[in-house]
Amino acid sequence: MGDVAGQDLSAATAIGRLRNMLRALVYNRGPRVAPPCDVLCQLDAVADGLAVAPFTSAVHTHLVYGPDDWWRAHWSNAGQPPLRVAPSLPRTSHHQNLGPGDIMLLYTDRLIGTPAGSLTDGQRQLVDIAARYRHLPLPELLRHLQGLSDHRNDTAMIAFRAAPWLTWSASAPSPRLAFARVRSAALRYGSGEAPGPRARYPTVRRDRRRRSVPGPAA
């Protein structure tokens, strides 16, 4: 999840370049998955060397399925400081276990940061709404959460619901992974299954109709 300062074509181009650089850095490690903090440090160095996007915040997250149907989330945050502000500064990885039914939500700050209220108030409202509607399919949950935005700026959300591998099938009643993007007061949703155990690097495909996550790698 990332957010580049600006709302013009150059900002959209920059976020695309950063996304591709991040994917290349992760893929280059092969089957050996690097800690998210190391990946963000490498991305910071490359972005600074190539002068891509002077002010960018990002969260890089890696999910690992473990025993007892639990998931382990590993993530690192490039928010304080953002990318290209202090490229030599080391970053930290964080960890959290997700049990069956737990939901992880990633979102850009414009979802809760509005001129009418503080980020703290917005976070409280987000937690309240998420707890109230957590039983719903993820796209429905995101529809309720998007009401927090004042639609002045683009907003993006990614929601993940932890579930055992055996329940991850095309016929599942509710998706385990959902995306939402608010742009010019228009909200687009997409959903899909998480990649199977052999898929090392999930990617999000974009077109004018939908967003989806590819299935397991062959």
Protein backbone atom coordinates (compact mmCIF):
# COMPACT_ATOMS: atom_id res chain seq x y z
CA MET A 1 0.00 0.00 0.00
CA GLY A 2 1.45 3.36 -0.99
CA ASP A 3 0.57 7.01 -1.42
CA VAL A 4 2.49 9.59 -3.44
CA ALA A 5 2.12 13.32 -2.81
CA GLY A 6 0.16 15.00 -5.59
CA GLN A 7 -2.94 14.29 -7.65
CA ASP A 8 -1.72 14.75 -11.22
CA LEU A 9 -0.42 12.42 -13.91
CA SER A 10 3.15 12.60 -12.63
CA ALA A 11 2.03 11.32 -9.21
CA ALA A 12 0.12 8.43 -10.81
CA THR A 13 3.17 7.59 -12.93
CA ALA A 14 5.45 7.71 -9.88
CA ILE A 15 3.31 5.29 -7.85
CA GLY A 16 3.32 2.89 -10.80
CA ARG A 17 7.11 3.05 -11.05
CA LEU A 18 7.51 2.49 -7.31
CA ARG A 19 5.14 -0.46 -7.39
CA ASN A 20 7.10 -2.10 -10.19
CA MET A 21 10.41 -1.45 -8.42
CA LEU A 22 9.07 -3.00 -5.22
CA ARG A 23 7.88 -6.10 -7.07
CA ALA A 24 11.28 -6.44 -8.77
CA LEU A 25 13.13 -6.15 -5.45
CA VAL A 26 10.95 -8.83 -3.85
CA TYR A 27 11.14 -11.14 -6.85
CA ASN A 28 14.91 -10.79 -7.05
CA ARG A 29 15.26 -12.47 -3.66
CA GLY A 30 13.89 -15.71 -5.10
CA PRO A 31 12.33 -18.22 -2.67
CA ARG A 32 14.14 -16.50 0.21
CA VAL A 33 11.68 -13.87 1.43
CA ALA A 34 13.36 -10.74 2.81
CA PRO A 35 12.06 -8.97 5.91
CA PRO A 36 9.76 -6.10 4.90
CA CYS A 37 12.08 -3.55 6.54
CA ASP A 38 14.98 -4.65 4.30
CA VAL A 39 12.81 -4.43 1.19
CA LEU A 40 11.67 -0.91 2.06
CA CYS A 41 15.25 0.17 2.71
CA GLN A 42 16.24 -1.13 -0.72
CA LEU A 43 13.26 0.59 -2.31
CA ASP A 44 14.18 3.84 -0.55
CA ALA A 45 17.74 3.67 -1.90
CA VAL A 46 16.62 2.89 -5.47
CA ALA A 47 13.90 5.55 -5.47
CA ASP A 48 16.37 8.14 -4.18
CA GLY A 49 19.03 7.14 -6.71
CA LEU A 50 16.56 7.38 -9.59
CA ALA A 51 14.84 10.50 -8.18
CA VAL A 52 11.39 8.90 -8.21
CA ALA A 53 8.63 10.64 -6.21
CA PRO A 54 10.07 13.09 -3.66
CA PHE A 55 7.50 12.30 -0.93
CA THR A 56 5.94 8.83 -0.67
CA SER A 57 4.51 6.85 2.23
CA ALA A 58 4.19 3.08 2.01
CA VAL A 59 3.51 -0.11 3.95
CA HIS A 60 5.01 -3.38 2.74
CA THR A 61 3.29 -6.46 4.17
CA HIS A 62 4.06 -10.17 3.92
CA LEU A 63 1.62 -12.87 5.05
CA VAL A 64 2.73 -16.38 6.02
CA TYR A 65 0.38 -19.27 6.75
CA GLY A 66 1.38 -21.23 9.84
CA PRO A 67 0.22 -24.12 12.01
CA ASP A 68 -3.15 -24.24 13.74
CA ASP A 69 -4.77 -22.21 10.91
CA TRP A 70 -3.07 -19.00 12.02
CA TRP A 71 -1.50 -16.40 9.74
CA ARG A 72 1.61 -14.38 10.56
CA ALA A 73 1.65 -10.82 9.24
CA HIS A 74 5.03 -9.11 8.79
CA TRP A 75 5.11 -5.47 7.78
CA SER A 76 7.24 -2.35 7.70
CA ASN A 77 6.05 1.23 7.44
CA ALA A 78 7.64 4.06 5.45
CA GLY A 79 5.54 6.85 6.87
CA GLN A 80 7.73 8.53 9.46
CA PRO A 81 9.94 9.25 7.62
CA PRO A 82 8.52 8.73 4.12
CA LEU A 83 10.59 7.37 1.25
CA ARG A 84 13.45 9.58 0.00
CA VAL A 85 13.52 11.74 3.13
CA ALA A 86 16.25 9.77 4.93
CA PRO A 87 17.33 6.87 2.66
CA SER A 88 20.12 5.78 4.99
CA LEU A 89 17.86 5.47 8.02
CA PRO A 90 17.20 1.84 9.06
CA ARG A 91 13.59 0.69 9.22
CA THR A 92 11.84 -1.82 11.48
CA SER A 93 9.64 -4.83 10.75
CA HIS A 94 6.60 -5.57 12.90
CA HIS A 95 4.74 -8.84 13.43
CA GLN A 96 1.21 -9.86 14.34
CA ASN A 97 -0.55 -13.23 14.48
CA LEU A 98 -3.97 -13.43 12.81
CA GLY A 99 -6.38 -16.12 13.96
CA PRO A 100 -9.33 -17.49 11.95
CA GLY A 101 -11.78 -14.65 11.33
CA ASP A 102 -9.35 -11.85 12.17
CA ILE A 103 -9.26 -8.99 9.65
CA MET A 104 -6.24 -6.96 8.61
CA LEU A 105 -7.02 -3.60 7.02
CA LEU A 106 -4.54 -1.43 5.13
CA TYR A 107 -5.62 2.04 4.10
CA THR A 108 -4.26 5.42 3.05
CA ASP A 109 -4.49 8.22 5.60
CA ARG A 110 -7.01 10.23 3.59
CA LEU A 111 -9.64 7.68 4.59
CA ILE A 112 -9.67 9.06 8.13
CA GLY A 113 -7.84 12.38 7.81
CA THR A 114 -10.31 15.16 7.02
CA PRO A 115 -10.34 18.92 7.74
CA ALA A 116 -13.32 18.37 10.01
CA GLY A 117 -11.56 16.02 12.43
CA SER A 118 -8.24 14.68 13.69
CA LEU A 119 -6.57 11.43 12.70
CA THR A 120 -7.15 10.13 16.23
CA ASP A 121 -10.88 10.71 15.96
CA GLY A 122 -10.89 9.12 12.51
CA GLN A 123 -9.09 6.03 13.80
CA ARG A 124 -11.62 5.63 16.61
CA GLN A 125 -14.48 5.82 14.13
CA LEU A 126 -12.77 3.34 11.83
CA VAL A 127 -12.32 0.82 14.67
CA ASP A 128 -15.96 1.22 15.73
CA ILE A 129 -17.30 0.71 12.19
CA ALA A 130 -14.96 -2.21 11.48
CA ALA A 131 -16.01 -3.95 14.70
CA ARG A 132 -19.69 -3.39 13.95
CA TYR A 133 -19.56 -4.83 10.42
CA ARG A 134 -16.70 -7.33 10.66
CA HIS A 135 -19.09 -10.25 10.08
CA LEU A 136 -19.96 -9.01 6.58
CA PRO A 137 -18.20 -10.08 3.36
CA LEU A 138 -15.13 -7.91 2.92
CA PRO A 139 -16.44 -5.81 -0.01
CA GLU A 140 -19.49 -4.92 2.12
CA LEU A 141 -17.25 -4.02 5.05
CA LEU A 142 -15.24 -1.68 2.81
CA ARG A 143 -18.42 -0.01 1.59
CA HIS A 144 -19.25 0.93 5.17
CA LEU A 145 -15.70 2.13 5.87
CA GLN A 146 -15.56 4.35 2.78
CA GLY A 147 -18.14 6.61 4.42
CA LEU A 148 -15.33 7.93 6.64
CA SER A 149 -13.74 9.68 3.64
CA ASP A 150 -14.81 13.16 2.56
CA HIS A 151 -13.81 12.23 -1.02
CA ARG A 152 -11.50 15.23 -1.36
CA ASN A 153 -8.59 12.94 -2.27
CA ASP A 154 -8.00 9.44 -3.59
CA THR A 155 -8.31 6.73 -0.97
CA ALA A 156 -7.29 3.07 -1.14
CA MET A 157 -8.07 0.12 1.15
CA ILE A 158 -7.03 -3.53 1.24
CA ALA A 159 -8.76 -5.95 3.62
CA PHE A 160 -7.65 -9.50 4.42
CA ARG A 161 -9.62 -12.01 6.49
CA ALA A 162 -7.61 -14.89 7.97
CA ALA A 163 -9.01 -18.34 7.18
CA PRO A 164 -7.72 -21.93 6.92
CA TRP A 165 -6.33 -22.97 3.53
CA LEU A 166 -9.08 -25.58 3.15
CA THR A 167 -11.71 -22.81 2.94
CA TRP A 168 -9.90 -20.95 0.14
CA SER A 169 -11.80 -22.05 -2.92
CA ALA A 170 -13.54 -20.44 -5.87
CA SER A 171 -16.89 -21.47 -4.38
CA ALA A 172 -16.30 -19.79 -1.02
CA PRO A 173 -19.33 -17.68 -0.02
CA SER A 174 -17.24 -14.63 0.83
CA PRO A 175 -13.84 -13.49 -0.48
CA ARG A 176 -10.87 -13.43 1.83
CA LEU A 177 -9.17 -10.50 0.08
CA ALA A 178 -10.83 -7.27 -1.01
CA PHE A 179 -9.73 -3.97 -2.52
CA ALA A 180 -11.37 -0.58 -2.70
CA ARG A 181 -10.40 2.72 -4.24
CA VAL A 182 -12.19 6.03 -3.88
CA ARG A 183 -11.53 8.54 -6.62
CA SER A 184 -13.57 11.63 -7.40
CA ALA A 185 -16.32 10.38 -5.08
CA ALA A 186 -16.62 7.11 -7.05
CA LEU A 187 -15.80 3.89 -5.22
CA ARG A 188 -14.50 0.82 -7.04
CA TYR A 189 -14.41 -2.57 -5.38
CA GLY A 190 -12.76 -5.83 -6.23
CA SER A 191 -12.21 -9.12 -4.48
CA GLY A 192 -10.47 -12.40 -4.95
CA GLU A 193 -8.89 -15.38 -3.34
CA ALA A 194 -5.42 -15.23 -1.91
CA PRO A 195 -2.76 -17.01 -3.97
CA GLY A 196 -2.08 -20.64 -3.15
CA PRO A 197 0.99 -21.89 -1.29
CA ARG A 198 3.10 -21.95 -4.48
CA ALA A 199 2.38 -18.35 -5.45
CA ARG A 200 5.25 -16.35 -3.98
CA TYR A 201 4.34 -12.88 -5.19
CA PRO A 202 0.65 -11.87 -5.44
CA THR A 203 -0.08 -9.12 -7.94
CA VAL A 204 -3.07 -6.89 -8.47
CA ARG A 205 -4.29 -6.65 -12.05
CA ARG A 206 -5.93 -3.39 -13.02
CA ASP A 207 -8.41 -2.75 -15.80
CA ARG A 208 -11.45 -0.55 -16.29
CA ARG A 209 -13.91 -3.11 -15.02
CA ARG A 210 -12.48 -4.76 -11.94
CA ARG A 211 -9.52 -5.62 -9.79
CA SER A 212 -8.57 -9.18 -9.03
CA VAL A 213 -5.82 -11.29 -7.57
CA PRO A 214 -4.50 -14.15 -9.72
CA GLY A 215 -4.94 -17.69 -8.53
CA PRO A 216 -2.18 -20.11 -7.56
CA ALA A 217 0.90 -20.16 -9.74
CA ALA A 218 1.24 -23.14 -12.03
